[in-house]
Structures are given as C-alpha cells and as structure tokens.
Amino acid sequence: MAWVKEDTTPEQQNRDLADCQRDAWHEARANTWYYRPLGPYMTPLSGRFVIAPGAPYYDPFYDPFLEEARLTQFCMRNKGYQLKPLEEDQ
C-alpha cells in the first residue's frame, strides 16, 4: 500500500507523509501526557472506595499508536492523497 496523489513528486510525497506523521505523533502523545494521572485515583462508589488506575477522565483503552495511525491517515487524506495497493512486478 502507498499514498498516491497525481502531480506530486516522490520527494513531496515523502515530505507530506513525514509532516503528517510528526503532527500525528505530537497530537497522540499530547493526549496521553496531558490528561494521564500521576498515580492511582480513589473514587467513591456506593459507600466504598474503588482504586482506579487513573483519574476520572482516563481512558484505559486509549492506545497512542492506533491514534497516531488514524491521525496520519486523516492528514494524508486531507492533503488529497489516496491509499492504494502497489502493483507487483511479475
């Protein structure tokens, strides 16, 4: 699979992909570092305290690597690229 856009050079495609990957990396990591707790969080639940792994807004299923891939694809599609399979030489 490769990102394809008409009337662009391979250097421009590589530069656009690198820019999108860098921006996606920063955005995905900002979500983990800024909103992640420093330690366990105790929350009251029906008269008992439950120790949760994070703060009330912490998402235990958040994966920055999947978010980074999603944001990279979003960025490349906004720049007009399409993801197409490469033709194999036979």
N, C-alpha and C. Protein backbone atom coordinates (compact mmCIF):
# COMPACT_ATOMS: atom_id res chain seq x y z
N MET A 1 0.85 -1.17 0.00
CA MET A 1 0.00 0.00 0.00
C MET A 1 0.89 1.24 0.00
N ALA A 2 0.44 2.26 -0.71
CA ALA A 2 1.21 3.50 -0.76
C ALA A 2 0.25 4.67 -0.93
N TRP A 3 0.68 5.83 -0.43
CA TRP A 3 -0.10 7.05 -0.61
C TRP A 3 0.18 7.58 -2.00
N VAL A 4 -0.89 7.85 -2.76
CA VAL A 4 -0.76 8.28 -4.16
C VAL A 4 -1.55 9.57 -4.36
N LYS A 5 -0.91 10.50 -5.05
CA LYS A 5 -1.58 11.75 -5.44
C LYS A 5 -1.00 12.18 -6.77
N GLU A 6 -1.85 12.53 -7.69
CA GLU A 6 -1.39 12.93 -9.01
C GLU A 6 -0.63 14.26 -8.94
N ASP A 7 0.29 14.43 -9.84
CA ASP A 7 1.07 15.67 -9.98
C ASP A 7 1.90 16.00 -8.75
N THR A 8 2.42 15.01 -8.08
CA THR A 8 3.36 15.26 -6.98
C THR A 8 4.61 14.42 -7.20
N THR A 9 5.70 14.95 -6.76
CA THR A 9 6.97 14.24 -6.87
C THR A 9 7.12 13.30 -5.67
N PRO A 10 7.97 12.29 -5.80
CA PRO A 10 8.21 11.40 -4.65
C PRO A 10 8.76 12.16 -3.44
N GLU A 11 9.56 13.20 -3.68
CA GLU A 11 10.09 14.00 -2.58
C GLU A 11 8.97 14.72 -1.84
N GLN A 12 8.02 15.26 -2.60
CA GLN A 12 6.88 15.95 -1.97
C GLN A 12 6.01 14.97 -1.19
N GLN A 13 5.80 13.78 -1.74
CA GLN A 13 5.02 12.76 -1.03
C GLN A 13 5.70 12.37 0.28
N ASN A 14 7.01 12.18 0.23
CA ASN A 14 7.75 11.82 1.45
C ASN A 14 7.70 12.94 2.48
N ARG A 15 7.80 14.18 2.02
CA ARG A 15 7.75 15.33 2.92
C ARG A 15 6.36 15.46 3.57
N ASP A 16 5.30 15.29 2.75
CA ASP A 16 3.94 15.36 3.29
C ASP A 16 3.68 14.24 4.30
N LEU A 17 4.16 13.04 4.00
CA LEU A 17 3.98 11.92 4.92
C LEU A 17 4.74 12.16 6.22
N ALA A 18 5.96 12.67 6.12
CA ALA A 18 6.75 12.95 7.32
C ALA A 18 6.07 14.03 8.17
N ASP A 19 5.54 15.06 7.52
CA ASP A 19 4.84 16.12 8.26
C ASP A 19 3.60 15.57 8.97
N CYS A 20 2.83 14.74 8.27
CA CYS A 20 1.63 14.17 8.87
C CYS A 20 1.99 13.24 10.02
N GLN A 21 3.02 12.44 9.86
CA GLN A 21 3.42 11.53 10.93
C GLN A 21 3.91 12.29 12.15
N ARG A 22 4.66 13.35 11.93
CA ARG A 22 5.16 14.15 13.05
C ARG A 22 4.01 14.82 13.81
N ASP A 23 3.09 15.43 13.06
CA ASP A 23 1.94 16.08 13.70
C ASP A 23 1.06 15.08 14.43
N ALA A 24 0.86 13.90 13.84
CA ALA A 24 0.05 12.86 14.47
C ALA A 24 0.73 12.36 15.74
N TRP A 25 2.03 12.22 15.71
CA TRP A 25 2.77 11.76 16.90
C TRP A 25 2.58 12.75 18.04
N HIS A 26 2.73 14.05 17.75
CA HIS A 26 2.57 15.07 18.79
C HIS A 26 1.15 15.07 19.35
N GLU A 27 0.17 14.97 18.47
CA GLU A 27 -1.23 15.01 18.94
C GLU A 27 -1.57 13.78 19.77
N ALA A 28 -1.14 12.61 19.34
CA ALA A 28 -1.44 11.37 20.08
C ALA A 28 -0.74 11.37 21.43
N ARG A 29 0.48 11.86 21.49
CA ARG A 29 1.21 11.88 22.75
C ARG A 29 0.69 12.97 23.69
N ALA A 30 0.20 14.05 23.15
CA ALA A 30 -0.36 15.12 23.99
C ALA A 30 -1.56 14.59 24.76
N ASN A 31 -2.33 13.74 24.13
CA ASN A 31 -3.50 13.18 24.79
C ASN A 31 -3.09 12.28 25.96
N THR A 32 -1.99 11.58 25.84
CA THR A 32 -1.57 10.70 26.93
C THR A 32 -0.87 11.46 28.04
N TRP A 33 0.00 12.40 27.71
CA TRP A 33 0.79 13.07 28.75
C TRP A 33 -0.02 14.13 29.50
N TYR A 34 -0.86 14.88 28.82
CA TYR A 34 -1.55 15.98 29.48
C TYR A 34 -2.70 15.50 30.36
N TYR A 35 -3.35 14.42 29.99
CA TYR A 35 -4.55 14.01 30.70
C TYR A 35 -4.36 12.72 31.48
N ARG A 36 -3.16 12.24 31.56
CA ARG A 36 -2.91 11.00 32.28
C ARG A 36 -2.58 11.31 33.73
N PRO A 37 -3.07 10.51 34.64
CA PRO A 37 -2.81 10.78 36.06
C PRO A 37 -1.38 10.39 36.45
N LEU A 38 -0.96 10.91 37.58
CA LEU A 38 0.36 10.57 38.09
C LEU A 38 0.34 9.33 38.95
N GLY A 39 -0.78 8.95 39.46
CA GLY A 39 -0.85 7.78 40.33
C GLY A 39 -2.25 7.23 40.39
N PRO A 40 -2.48 6.25 41.25
CA PRO A 40 -3.83 5.69 41.37
C PRO A 40 -4.82 6.72 41.89
N TYR A 41 -6.03 6.58 41.51
CA TYR A 41 -7.09 7.52 41.86
C TYR A 41 -8.17 6.77 42.63
N MET A 42 -8.55 7.29 43.79
CA MET A 42 -9.61 6.66 44.58
C MET A 42 -10.93 7.36 44.33
N THR A 43 -11.94 6.60 43.99
CA THR A 43 -13.24 7.18 43.71
C THR A 43 -14.30 6.50 44.58
N PRO A 44 -15.22 7.28 45.15
CA PRO A 44 -16.27 6.65 45.96
C PRO A 44 -17.30 5.99 45.06
N LEU A 45 -17.69 4.78 45.40
CA LEU A 45 -18.68 4.05 44.62
C LEU A 45 -19.60 3.32 45.60
N SER A 46 -20.80 3.83 45.76
CA SER A 46 -21.82 3.28 46.66
C SER A 46 -21.28 2.97 48.06
N GLY A 47 -20.66 3.98 48.66
CA GLY A 47 -20.18 3.85 50.03
C GLY A 47 -18.81 3.23 50.17
N ARG A 48 -18.24 2.73 49.07
CA ARG A 48 -16.91 2.14 49.11
C ARG A 48 -15.97 2.95 48.24
N PHE A 49 -14.70 2.84 48.52
CA PHE A 49 -13.72 3.49 47.67
C PHE A 49 -13.11 2.47 46.73
N VAL A 50 -13.11 2.79 45.46
CA VAL A 50 -12.54 1.90 44.45
C VAL A 50 -11.28 2.57 43.93
N ILE A 51 -10.19 1.82 43.90
CA ILE A 51 -8.93 2.35 43.38
C ILE A 51 -8.88 2.07 41.89
N ALA A 52 -8.95 3.13 41.10
CA ALA A 52 -8.90 3.03 39.65
C ALA A 52 -7.48 3.32 39.18
N PRO A 53 -7.09 2.82 38.02
CA PRO A 53 -5.72 3.07 37.55
C PRO A 53 -5.48 4.51 37.13
N GLY A 54 -6.53 5.29 36.99
CA GLY A 54 -6.33 6.65 36.53
C GLY A 54 -7.38 7.59 37.05
N ALA A 55 -7.28 8.82 36.62
CA ALA A 55 -8.22 9.86 37.02
C ALA A 55 -9.59 9.61 36.39
N PRO A 56 -10.60 10.39 36.75
CA PRO A 56 -11.94 10.14 36.21
C PRO A 56 -12.02 10.25 34.69
N TYR A 57 -11.14 11.01 34.07
CA TYR A 57 -11.19 11.18 32.62
C TYR A 57 -10.18 10.32 31.89
N TYR A 58 -9.60 9.38 32.57
CA TYR A 58 -8.61 8.49 31.99
C TYR A 58 -9.30 7.38 31.20
N ASP A 59 -8.83 7.11 30.02
CA ASP A 59 -9.38 6.05 29.19
C ASP A 59 -8.43 4.87 29.19
N PRO A 60 -8.77 3.78 29.85
CA PRO A 60 -7.84 2.65 29.93
C PRO A 60 -7.61 1.95 28.60
N PHE A 61 -8.48 2.20 27.61
CA PHE A 61 -8.34 1.55 26.31
C PHE A 61 -7.66 2.46 25.28
N TYR A 62 -7.22 3.63 25.69
CA TYR A 62 -6.57 4.55 24.75
C TYR A 62 -5.20 4.00 24.36
N ASP A 63 -4.96 3.93 23.06
CA ASP A 63 -3.68 3.47 22.55
C ASP A 63 -3.10 4.57 21.67
N PRO A 64 -2.02 5.20 22.09
CA PRO A 64 -1.48 6.31 21.29
C PRO A 64 -0.98 5.87 19.92
N PHE A 65 -0.57 4.62 19.78
CA PHE A 65 -0.08 4.16 18.48
C PHE A 65 -1.21 4.03 17.46
N LEU A 66 -2.37 3.54 17.90
CA LEU A 66 -3.52 3.47 16.99
C LEU A 66 -4.03 4.87 16.66
N GLU A 67 -4.03 5.74 17.65
CA GLU A 67 -4.46 7.12 17.41
C GLU A 67 -3.52 7.83 16.44
N GLU A 68 -2.23 7.56 16.57
CA GLU A 68 -1.25 8.16 15.67
C GLU A 68 -1.48 7.70 14.23
N ALA A 69 -1.75 6.42 14.03
CA ALA A 69 -2.02 5.91 12.68
C ALA A 69 -3.29 6.52 12.11
N ARG A 70 -4.32 6.65 12.94
CA ARG A 70 -5.59 7.24 12.48
C ARG A 70 -5.40 8.70 12.08
N LEU A 71 -4.67 9.44 12.89
CA LEU A 71 -4.43 10.85 12.59
C LEU A 71 -3.55 11.04 11.36
N THR A 72 -2.59 10.16 11.15
CA THR A 72 -1.75 10.23 9.95
C THR A 72 -2.60 10.02 8.71
N GLN A 73 -3.47 9.02 8.74
CA GLN A 73 -4.35 8.78 7.59
C GLN A 73 -5.27 9.96 7.34
N PHE A 74 -5.81 10.52 8.41
CA PHE A 74 -6.69 11.67 8.28
C PHE A 74 -5.96 12.84 7.61
N CYS A 75 -4.74 13.10 8.04
CA CYS A 75 -3.95 14.20 7.49
C CYS A 75 -3.64 13.98 6.01
N MET A 76 -3.22 12.76 5.66
CA MET A 76 -2.87 12.48 4.26
C MET A 76 -4.10 12.58 3.36
N ARG A 77 -5.23 12.10 3.83
CA ARG A 77 -6.46 12.21 3.02
C ARG A 77 -6.88 13.68 2.85
N ASN A 78 -6.66 14.49 3.87
CA ASN A 78 -6.98 15.92 3.75
C ASN A 78 -6.06 16.62 2.76
N LYS A 79 -4.87 16.11 2.56
CA LYS A 79 -3.95 16.69 1.58
C LYS A 79 -4.22 16.19 0.17
N GLY A 80 -5.20 15.29 0.03
CA GLY A 80 -5.59 14.82 -1.29
C GLY A 80 -4.99 13.49 -1.71
N TYR A 81 -4.32 12.81 -0.81
CA TYR A 81 -3.72 11.52 -1.14
C TYR A 81 -4.74 10.40 -0.97
N GLN A 82 -4.52 9.33 -1.71
CA GLN A 82 -5.33 8.13 -1.58
C GLN A 82 -4.40 6.96 -1.29
N LEU A 83 -4.83 6.05 -0.44
CA LEU A 83 -4.06 4.87 -0.12
C LEU A 83 -4.45 3.77 -1.10
N LYS A 84 -3.47 3.35 -1.94
CA LYS A 84 -3.75 2.35 -2.98
C LYS A 84 -2.70 1.25 -2.91
N PRO A 85 -3.09 0.04 -3.33
CA PRO A 85 -2.11 -1.05 -3.34
C PRO A 85 -1.06 -0.83 -4.44
N LEU A 86 0.15 -1.24 -4.14
CA LEU A 86 1.23 -1.16 -5.13
C LEU A 86 1.07 -2.29 -6.14
N GLU A 87 1.43 -2.00 -7.37
CA GLU A 87 1.39 -3.05 -8.39
C GLU A 87 2.65 -3.88 -8.29
N GLU A 88 2.47 -5.19 -8.27
CA GLU A 88 3.62 -6.09 -8.16
C GLU A 88 4.17 -6.39 -9.54
N ASP A 89 5.50 -6.45 -9.65
CA ASP A 89 6.14 -6.83 -10.91
C ASP A 89 6.10 -8.35 -11.03
N GLN A 90 5.67 -8.84 -12.17
CA GLN A 90 5.57 -10.29 -12.35
C GLN A 90 6.57 -10.78 -13.35
